């Protein structure tokens, strides 16, 4: 995904990637990365936890809007299986 993001950025299209493995993001260094410690199949958080999912989406869009530095990684410290409120 990081290689695709770099290609899109070279064409003037801003990107942010959502990564489940911080180590991979650090190796590939996409232009902007949000890293979460969630399992495959649920990159935005727990199923049916709309509040958490929306937080991850908002953080990703905020990074896209505010970060111009290439290779920036933002680590989100949300817990998997948070209580649904």
PDB file of N, CA and C in Angstrom:
ATOM      1  N   UNK A   1       0.811  -1.189   0.000  1.00  0.00           N
ATOM      2  CA  UNK A   1       0.000   0.000   0.000  1.00  0.00           C
ATOM      3  C   UNK A   1       0.853   1.251   0.000  1.00  0.00           C
ATOM      4  N   UNK A   2       1.974   1.211   0.706  1.00  0.00           N
ATOM      5  CA  UNK A   2       2.843   2.374   0.784  1.00  0.00           C
ATOM      6  C   UNK A   2       3.411   2.775  -0.560  1.00  0.00           C
ATOM      7  N   UNK A   3       3.717   1.782  -1.383  1.00  0.00           N
ATOM      8  CA  UNK A   3       4.259   2.082  -2.712  1.00  0.00           C
ATOM      9  C   UNK A   3       3.204   2.738  -3.591  1.00  0.00           C
ATOM     10  N   UNK A   4       1.973   2.286  -3.476  1.00  0.00           N
ATOM     11  CA  UNK A   4       0.873   2.888  -4.230  1.00  0.00           C
ATOM     12  C   UNK A   4       0.648   4.322  -3.756  1.00  0.00           C
ATOM     13  N   UNK A   5       0.698   4.520  -2.445  1.00  0.00           N
ATOM     14  CA  UNK A   5       0.505   5.864  -1.882  1.00  0.00           C
ATOM     15  C   UNK A   5       1.576   6.818  -2.393  1.00  0.00           C
ATOM     16  N   UNK A   6       2.811   6.365  -2.449  1.00  0.00           N
ATOM     17  CA  UNK A   6       3.892   7.235  -2.963  1.00  0.00           C
ATOM     18  C   UNK A   6       3.663   7.593  -4.421  1.00  0.00           C
ATOM     19  N   UNK A   7       3.196   6.645  -5.213  1.00  0.00           N
ATOM     20  CA  UNK A   7       2.901   6.902  -6.630  1.00  0.00           C
ATOM     21  C   UNK A   7       1.785   7.925  -6.763  1.00  0.00           C
ATOM     22  N   UNK A   8       0.715   7.763  -5.986  1.00  0.00           N
ATOM     23  CA  UNK A   8      -0.387   8.720  -6.023  1.00  0.00           C
ATOM     24  C   UNK A   8       0.083  10.113  -5.609  1.00  0.00           C
ATOM     25  N   UNK A   9       0.918  10.181  -4.587  1.00  0.00           N
ATOM     26  CA  UNK A   9       1.445  11.461  -4.125  1.00  0.00           C
ATOM     27  C   UNK A   9       2.267  12.134  -5.218  1.00  0.00           C
ATOM     28  N   UNK A  10       3.019  11.352  -5.980  1.00  0.00           N
ATOM     29  CA  UNK A  10       3.828  11.937  -7.059  1.00  0.00           C
ATOM     30  C   UNK A  10       2.950  12.519  -8.159  1.00  0.00           C
ATOM     31  N   UNK A  11       1.678  12.077  -8.232  1.00  0.00           N
ATOM     32  CA  UNK A  11       0.719  12.630  -9.187  1.00  0.00           C
ATOM     33  C   UNK A  11      -0.116  13.749  -8.576  1.00  0.00           C
ATOM     34  N   UNK A  12       0.238  14.158  -7.338  1.00  0.00           N
ATOM     35  CA  UNK A  12      -0.448  15.267  -6.702  1.00  0.00           C
ATOM     36  C   UNK A  12      -1.678  14.892  -5.896  1.00  0.00           C
ATOM     37  N   UNK A  13      -1.861  13.602  -5.641  1.00  0.00           N
ATOM     38  CA  UNK A  13      -3.014  13.143  -4.862  1.00  0.00           C
ATOM     39  C   UNK A  13      -2.535  12.818  -3.444  1.00  0.00           C
ATOM     40  N   UNK A  14      -3.045  13.533  -2.465  1.00  0.00           N
ATOM     41  CA  UNK A  14      -2.644  13.306  -1.069  1.00  0.00           C
ATOM     42  C   UNK A  14      -3.219  11.993  -0.562  1.00  0.00           C
ATOM     43  N   UNK A  15      -2.434  11.291   0.252  1.00  0.00           N
ATOM     44  CA  UNK A  15      -2.860   9.988   0.771  1.00  0.00           C
ATOM     45  C   UNK A  15      -2.545   9.864   2.256  1.00  0.00           C
ATOM     46  N   UNK A  16      -3.264   8.980   2.908  1.00  0.00           N
ATOM     47  CA  UNK A  16      -2.931   8.513   4.252  1.00  0.00           C
ATOM     48  C   UNK A  16      -3.253   7.024   4.259  1.00  0.00           C
ATOM     49  N   UNK A  17      -2.336   6.223   4.782  1.00  0.00           N
ATOM     50  CA  UNK A  17      -2.575   4.788   4.852  1.00  0.00           C
ATOM     51  C   UNK A  17      -2.862   4.390   6.293  1.00  0.00           C
ATOM     52  N   UNK A  18      -3.636   3.353   6.455  1.00  0.00           N
ATOM     53  CA  UNK A  18      -3.951   2.794   7.764  1.00  0.00           C
ATOM     54  C   UNK A  18      -3.184   1.486   7.859  1.00  0.00           C
ATOM     55  N   UNK A  19      -2.299   1.379   8.852  1.00  0.00           N
ATOM     56  CA  UNK A  19      -1.404   0.237   8.931  1.00  0.00           C
ATOM     57  C   UNK A  19      -1.607  -0.511  10.237  1.00  0.00           C
ATOM     58  N   UNK A  20      -1.633  -1.841  10.160  1.00  0.00           N
ATOM     59  CA  UNK A  20      -1.828  -2.677  11.335  1.00  0.00           C
ATOM     60  C   UNK A  20      -0.515  -3.134  11.955  1.00  0.00           C
ATOM     61  N   UNK A  21       0.585  -2.996  11.237  1.00  0.00           N
ATOM     62  CA  UNK A  21       1.900  -3.384  11.742  1.00  0.00           C
ATOM     63  C   UNK A  21       2.847  -2.205  11.646  1.00  0.00           C
ATOM     64  N   UNK A  22       3.184  -1.642  12.795  1.00  0.00           N
ATOM     65  CA  UNK A  22       4.064  -0.479  12.853  1.00  0.00           C
ATOM     66  C   UNK A  22       5.408  -0.762  12.191  1.00  0.00           C
ATOM     67  N   UNK A  23       5.934  -1.957  12.384  1.00  0.00           N
ATOM     68  CA  UNK A  23       7.239  -2.305  11.818  1.00  0.00           C
ATOM     69  C   UNK A  23       7.236  -2.210  10.296  1.00  0.00           C
ATOM     70  N   UNK A  24       6.153  -2.623   9.669  1.00  0.00           N
ATOM     71  CA  UNK A  24       6.050  -2.549   8.209  1.00  0.00           C
ATOM     72  C   UNK A  24       5.985  -1.093   7.765  1.00  0.00           C
ATOM     73  N   UNK A  25       5.200  -0.295   8.467  1.00  0.00           N
ATOM     74  CA  UNK A  25       5.100   1.132   8.129  1.00  0.00           C
ATOM     75  C   UNK A  25       6.466   1.809   8.237  1.00  0.00           C
ATOM     76  N   UNK A  26       7.245   1.430   9.242  1.00  0.00           N
ATOM     77  CA  UNK A  26       8.572   2.021   9.420  1.00  0.00           C
ATOM     78  C   UNK A  26       9.538   1.604   8.322  1.00  0.00           C
ATOM     79  N   UNK A  27       9.347   0.429   7.753  1.00  0.00           N
ATOM     80  CA  UNK A  27      10.202  -0.031   6.658  1.00  0.00           C
ATOM     81  C   UNK A  27       9.816   0.612   5.334  1.00  0.00           C
ATOM     82  N   UNK A  28       8.522   0.654   5.048  1.00  0.00           N
ATOM     83  CA  UNK A  28       8.037   1.125   3.754  1.00  0.00           C
ATOM     84  C   UNK A  28       7.954   2.651   3.709  1.00  0.00           C
ATOM     85  N   UNK A  29       7.630   3.277   4.820  1.00  0.00           N
ATOM     86  CA  UNK A  29       7.470   4.727   4.945  1.00  0.00           C
ATOM     87  C   UNK A  29       6.572   5.342   3.877  1.00  0.00           C
ATOM     88  N   UNK A  30       5.293   5.006   3.906  1.00  0.00           N
ATOM     89  CA  UNK A  30       4.358   5.702   3.022  1.00  0.00           C
ATOM     90  C   UNK A  30       4.343   7.186   3.382  1.00  0.00           C
ATOM     91  N   UNK A  31       3.797   8.035   2.533  1.00  0.00           N
ATOM     92  CA  UNK A  31       3.806   9.477   2.807  1.00  0.00           C
ATOM     93  C   UNK A  31       3.218   9.841   4.173  1.00  0.00           C
ATOM     94  N   UNK A  32       2.091   9.284   4.529  1.00  0.00           N
ATOM     95  CA  UNK A  32       1.444   9.511   5.828  1.00  0.00           C
ATOM     96  C   UNK A  32       0.815   8.198   6.258  1.00  0.00           C
ATOM     97  N   UNK A  33       1.059   7.819   7.513  1.00  0.00           N
ATOM     98  CA  UNK A  33       0.528   6.552   8.003  1.00  0.00           C
ATOM     99  C   UNK A  33      -0.104   6.730   9.374  1.00  0.00           C
ATOM    100  N   UNK A  34      -1.261   6.124   9.550  1.00  0.00           N
ATOM    101  CA  UNK A  34      -1.879   5.984  10.858  1.00  0.00           C
ATOM    102  C   UNK A  34      -1.727   4.514  11.216  1.00  0.00           C
ATOM    103  N   UNK A  35      -1.123   4.263  12.371  1.00  0.00           N
ATOM    104  CA  UNK A  35      -0.875   2.891  12.810  1.00  0.00           C
ATOM    105  C   UNK A  35      -1.798   2.551  13.974  1.00  0.00           C
ATOM    106  N   UNK A  36      -2.484   1.415  13.849  1.00  0.00           N
ATOM    107  CA  UNK A  36      -3.367   0.934  14.909  1.00  0.00           C
ATOM    108  C   UNK A  36      -2.966  -0.490  15.279  1.00  0.00           C
ATOM    109  N   UNK A  37      -3.204  -0.865  16.507  1.00  0.00           N
ATOM    110  CA  UNK A  37      -2.870  -2.210  16.963  1.00  0.00           C
ATOM    111  C   UNK A  37      -4.148  -3.050  17.021  1.00  0.00           C
ATOM    112  N   UNK A  38      -4.749  -3.227  15.849  1.00  0.00           N
ATOM    113  CA  UNK A  38      -5.978  -4.005  15.717  1.00  0.00           C
ATOM    114  C   UNK A  38      -5.685  -5.218  14.836  1.00  0.00           C
ATOM    115  N   UNK A  39      -6.485  -6.267  14.940  1.00  0.00           N
ATOM    116  CA  UNK A  39      -6.265  -7.458  14.110  1.00  0.00           C
ATOM    117  C   UNK A  39      -6.714  -7.242  12.664  1.00  0.00           C
ATOM    118  N   UNK A  40      -6.195  -8.096  11.779  1.00  0.00           N
ATOM    119  CA  UNK A  40      -6.628  -8.054  10.388  1.00  0.00           C
ATOM    120  C   UNK A  40      -8.137  -8.233  10.317  1.00  0.00           C
ATOM    121  N   UNK A  41      -8.747  -7.526   9.406  1.00  0.00           N
ATOM    122  CA  UNK A  41     -10.185  -7.623   9.227  1.00  0.00           C
ATOM    123  C   UNK A  41     -10.959  -6.552   9.978  1.00  0.00           C
ATOM    124  N   UNK A  42     -10.270  -5.837  10.866  1.00  0.00           N
ATOM    125  CA  UNK A  42     -10.947  -4.792  11.642  1.00  0.00           C
ATOM    126  C   UNK A  42     -10.024  -3.588  11.830  1.00  0.00           C
ATOM    127  N   UNK A  43      -9.535  -2.995  10.739  1.00  0.00           N
ATOM    128  CA  UNK A  43      -8.562  -1.902  10.874  1.00  0.00           C
ATOM    129  C   UNK A  43      -9.126  -0.638  11.506  1.00  0.00           C
ATOM    130  N   UNK A  44     -10.442  -0.511  11.567  1.00  0.00           N
ATOM    131  CA  UNK A  44     -11.037   0.677  12.169  1.00  0.00           C
ATOM    132  C   UNK A  44     -11.524   0.425  13.584  1.00  0.00           C
ATOM    133  N   UNK A  45     -11.372  -0.799  14.089  1.00  0.00           N
ATOM    134  CA  UNK A  45     -11.747  -1.097  15.467  1.00  0.00           C
ATOM    135  C   UNK A  45     -12.757  -2.205  15.582  1.00  0.00           C
ATOM    136  N   UNK A  46     -13.236  -2.358  16.794  1.00  0.00           N
ATOM    137  CA  UNK A  46     -14.167  -3.437  17.126  1.00  0.00           C
ATOM    138  C   UNK A  46     -15.422  -3.397  16.259  1.00  0.00           C
ATOM    139  N   UNK A  47     -15.930  -4.559  15.857  1.00  0.00           N
ATOM    140  CA  UNK A  47     -17.211  -4.595  15.147  1.00  0.00           C
ATOM    141  C   UNK A  47     -18.310  -3.964  16.002  1.00  0.00           C
ATOM    142  N   UNK A  48     -19.159  -3.194  15.356  1.00  0.00           N
ATOM    143  CA  UNK A  48     -20.298  -2.530  15.997  1.00  0.00           C
ATOM    144  C   UNK A  48     -19.920  -1.414  16.964  1.00  0.00           C
ATOM    145  N   UNK A  49     -18.639  -1.083  17.069  1.00  0.00           N
ATOM    146  CA  UNK A  49     -18.219   0.017  17.937  1.00  0.00           C
ATOM    147  C   UNK A  49     -18.059   1.270  17.070  1.00  0.00           C
ATOM    148  N   UNK A  50     -19.185   1.864  16.729  1.00  0.00           N
ATOM    149  CA  UNK A  50     -19.188   2.998  15.807  1.00  0.00           C
ATOM    150  C   UNK A  50     -18.382   4.179  16.335  1.00  0.00           C
ATOM    151  N   UNK A  51     -18.409   4.376  17.640  1.00  0.00           N
ATOM    152  CA  UNK A  51     -17.672   5.494  18.226  1.00  0.00           C
ATOM    153  C   UNK A  51     -16.173   5.341  17.972  1.00  0.00           C
ATOM    154  N   UNK A  52     -15.624   4.173  18.233  1.00  0.00           N
ATOM    155  CA  UNK A  52     -14.201   3.922  18.006  1.00  0.00           C
ATOM    156  C   UNK A  52     -13.869   4.009  16.519  1.00  0.00           C
ATOM    157  N   UNK A  53     -14.697   3.412  15.685  1.00  0.00           N
ATOM    158  CA  UNK A  53     -14.451   3.436  14.243  1.00  0.00           C
ATOM    159  C   UNK A  53     -14.419   4.866  13.719  1.00  0.00           C
ATOM    160  N   UNK A  54     -15.342   5.681  14.187  1.00  0.00           N
ATOM    161  CA  UNK A  54     -15.389   7.077  13.771  1.00  0.00           C
ATOM    162  C   UNK A  54     -14.159   7.841  14.258  1.00  0.00           C
ATOM    163  N   UNK A  55     -13.672   7.524  15.454  1.00  0.00           N
ATOM    164  CA  UNK A  55     -12.465   8.167  15.966  1.00  0.00           C
ATOM    165  C   UNK A  55     -11.264   7.861  15.074  1.00  0.00           C
ATOM    166  N   UNK A  56     -11.123   6.610  14.654  1.00  0.00           N
ATOM    167  CA  UNK A  56     -10.012   6.218  13.789  1.00  0.00           C
ATOM    168  C   UNK A  56     -10.118   6.946  12.444  1.00  0.00           C
ATOM    169  N   UNK A  57     -11.310   7.017  11.892  1.00  0.00           N
ATOM    170  CA  UNK A  57     -11.510   7.718  10.621  1.00  0.00           C
ATOM    171  C   UNK A  57     -11.176   9.197  10.770  1.00  0.00           C
ATOM    172  N   UNK A  58     -11.655   9.828  11.844  1.00  0.00           N
ATOM    173  CA  UNK A  58     -11.388  11.255  12.063  1.00  0.00           C
ATOM    174  C   UNK A  58      -9.890  11.524  12.240  1.00  0.00           C
ATOM    175  N   UNK A  59      -9.209  10.665  13.001  1.00  0.00           N
ATOM    176  CA  UNK A  59      -7.756  10.824  13.187  1.00  0.00           C
ATOM    177  C   UNK A  59      -7.020  10.699  11.852  1.00  0.00           C
ATOM    178  N   UNK A  60      -7.466   9.784  11.011  1.00  0.00           N
ATOM    179  CA  UNK A  60      -6.838   9.595   9.700  1.00  0.00           C
ATOM    180  C   UNK A  60      -7.045  10.818   8.818  1.00  0.00           C
ATOM    181  N   UNK A  61      -8.264  11.329   8.780  1.00  0.00           N
ATOM    182  CA  UNK A  61      -8.541  12.519   7.969  1.00  0.00           C
ATOM    183  C   UNK A  61      -7.817  13.751   8.508  1.00  0.00           C
ATOM    184  N   UNK A  62      -7.718  13.846   9.829  1.00  0.00           N
ATOM    185  CA  UNK A  62      -7.001  14.962  10.442  1.00  0.00           C
ATOM    186  C   UNK A  62      -5.529  14.921  10.043  1.00  0.00           C
ATOM    187  N   UNK A  63      -4.950  13.735  10.032  1.00  0.00           N
ATOM    188  CA  UNK A  63      -3.548  13.610   9.626  1.00  0.00           C
ATOM    189  C   UNK A  63      -3.369  14.004   8.173  1.00  0.00           C
ATOM    190  N   UNK A  64      -4.300  13.580   7.346  1.00  0.00           N
ATOM    191  CA  UNK A  64      -4.247  13.928   5.929  1.00  0.00           C
ATOM    192  C   UNK A  64      -4.287  15.441   5.746  1.00  0.00           C
ATOM    193  N   UNK A  65      -5.117  16.087   6.527  1.00  0.00           N
ATOM    194  CA  UNK A  65      -5.291  17.530   6.421  1.00  0.00           C
ATOM    195  C   UNK A  65      -4.103  18.319   6.987  1.00  0.00           C
ATOM    196  N   UNK A  66      -3.523  17.848   8.090  1.00  0.00           N
ATOM    197  CA  UNK A  66      -2.532  18.645   8.812  1.00  0.00           C
ATOM    198  C   UNK A  66      -1.074  18.284   8.541  1.00  0.00           C
ATOM    199  N   UNK A  67      -0.791  17.128   7.973  1.00  0.00           N
ATOM    200  CA  UNK A  67       0.593  16.666   7.851  1.00  0.00           C
ATOM    201  C   UNK A  67       1.099  16.774   6.423  1.00  0.00           C
ATOM    202  N   UNK A  68       2.145  17.549   6.252  1.00  0.00           N
ATOM    203  CA  UNK A  68       2.772  17.654   4.934  1.00  0.00           C
ATOM    204  C   UNK A  68       4.101  16.906   4.891  1.00  0.00           C
ATOM    205  N   UNK A  69       4.646  16.621   6.068  1.00  0.00           N
ATOM    206  CA  UNK A  69       5.917  15.931   6.165  1.00  0.00           C
ATOM    207  C   UNK A  69       5.776  14.494   5.659  1.00  0.00           C
ATOM    208  N   UNK A  70       6.566  14.134   4.670  1.00  0.00           N
ATOM    209  CA  UNK A  70       6.505  12.784   4.107  1.00  0.00           C
ATOM    210  C   UNK A  70       7.122  11.772   5.067  1.00  0.00           C
ATOM    211  N   UNK A  71       6.522  10.591   5.137  1.00  0.00           N
ATOM    212  CA  UNK A  71       7.032   9.527   5.989  1.00  0.00           C
ATOM    213  C   UNK A  71       6.573   9.613   7.433  1.00  0.00           C
ATOM    214  N   UNK A  72       5.657  10.505   7.729  1.00  0.00           N
ATOM    215  CA  UNK A  72       5.159  10.692   9.094  1.00  0.00           C
ATOM    216  C   UNK A  72       4.266   9.521   9.501  1.00  0.00           C
ATOM    217  N   UNK A  73       4.470   9.005  10.704  1.00  0.00           N
ATOM    218  CA  UNK A  73       3.665   7.913  11.248  1.00  0.00           C
ATOM    219  C   UNK A  73       3.010   8.389  12.537  1.00  0.00           C
ATOM    220  N   UNK A  74       1.708   8.258  12.610  1.00  0.00           N
ATOM    221  CA  UNK A  74       0.961   8.607  13.817  1.00  0.00           C
ATOM    222  C   UNK A  74       0.430   7.311  14.416  1.00  0.00           C
ATOM    223  N   UNK A  75       0.769   7.049  15.672  1.00  0.00           N
ATOM    224  CA  UNK A  75       0.339   5.834  16.344  1.00  0.00           C
ATOM    225  C   UNK A  75      -0.903   6.143  17.171  1.00  0.00           C
ATOM    226  N   UNK A  76      -1.974   5.426  16.889  1.00  0.00           N
ATOM    227  CA  UNK A  76      -3.198   5.580  17.666  1.00  0.00           C
ATOM    228  C   UNK A  76      -3.212   4.519  18.758  1.00  0.00           C
ATOM    229  N   UNK A  77      -3.394   4.940  19.984  1.00  0.00           N
ATOM    230  CA  UNK A  77      -3.320   4.024  21.127  1.00  0.00           C
ATOM    231  C   UNK A  77      -4.700   3.587  21.617  1.00  0.00           C
ATOM    232  N   UNK A  78      -5.568   3.275  20.689  1.00  0.00           N
ATOM    233  CA  UNK A  78      -6.877   2.756  21.072  1.00  0.00           C
ATOM    234  C   UNK A  78      -6.752   1.269  21.365  1.00  0.00           C
ATOM    235  N   UNK A  79      -7.582   0.804  22.285  1.00  0.00           N
ATOM    236  CA  UNK A  79      -7.556  -0.608  22.655  1.00  0.00           C
ATOM    237  C   UNK A  79      -8.583  -1.402  21.853  1.00  0.00           C
ATOM    238  N   UNK A  80      -8.164  -2.579  21.426  1.00  0.00           N
ATOM    239  CA  UNK A  80      -9.083  -3.505  20.772  1.00  0.00           C
ATOM    240  C   UNK A  80     -10.070  -3.996  21.810  1.00  0.00           C
ATOM    241  N   UNK A  81     -11.309  -4.119  21.415  1.00  0.00           N
ATOM    242  CA  UNK A  81     -12.402  -4.560  22.259  1.00  0.00           C
ATOM    243  C   UNK A  81     -12.704  -3.559  23.383  1.00  0.00           C
ATOM    244  N   UNK A  82     -12.718  -2.281  22.984  1.00  0.00           N
ATOM    245  CA  UNK A  82     -13.145  -1.256  23.938  1.00  0.00           C
ATOM    246  C   UNK A  82     -14.622  -1.431  24.222  1.00  0.00           C
ATOM    247  N   UNK A  83     -15.041  -0.986  25.383  1.00  0.00           N
ATOM    248  CA  UNK A  83     -16.458  -1.064  25.727  1.00  0.00           C
ATOM    249  C   UNK A  83     -17.247  -0.137  24.832  1.00  0.00           C
ATOM    250  N   UNK A  84     -18.348  -0.633  24.319  1.00  0.00           N
ATOM    251  CA  UNK A  84     -19.217   0.160  23.473  1.00  0.00           C
ATOM    252  C   UNK A  84     -20.092   1.033  24.363  1.00  0.00           C
ATOM    253  N   UNK A  85     -20.072   2.318  24.086  1.00  0.00           N
ATOM    254  CA  UNK A  85     -20.861   3.259  24.900  1.00  0.00           C
ATOM    255  C   UNK A  85     -22.044   3.779  24.152  1.00  0.00           C
TER     256      UNK A  85
END
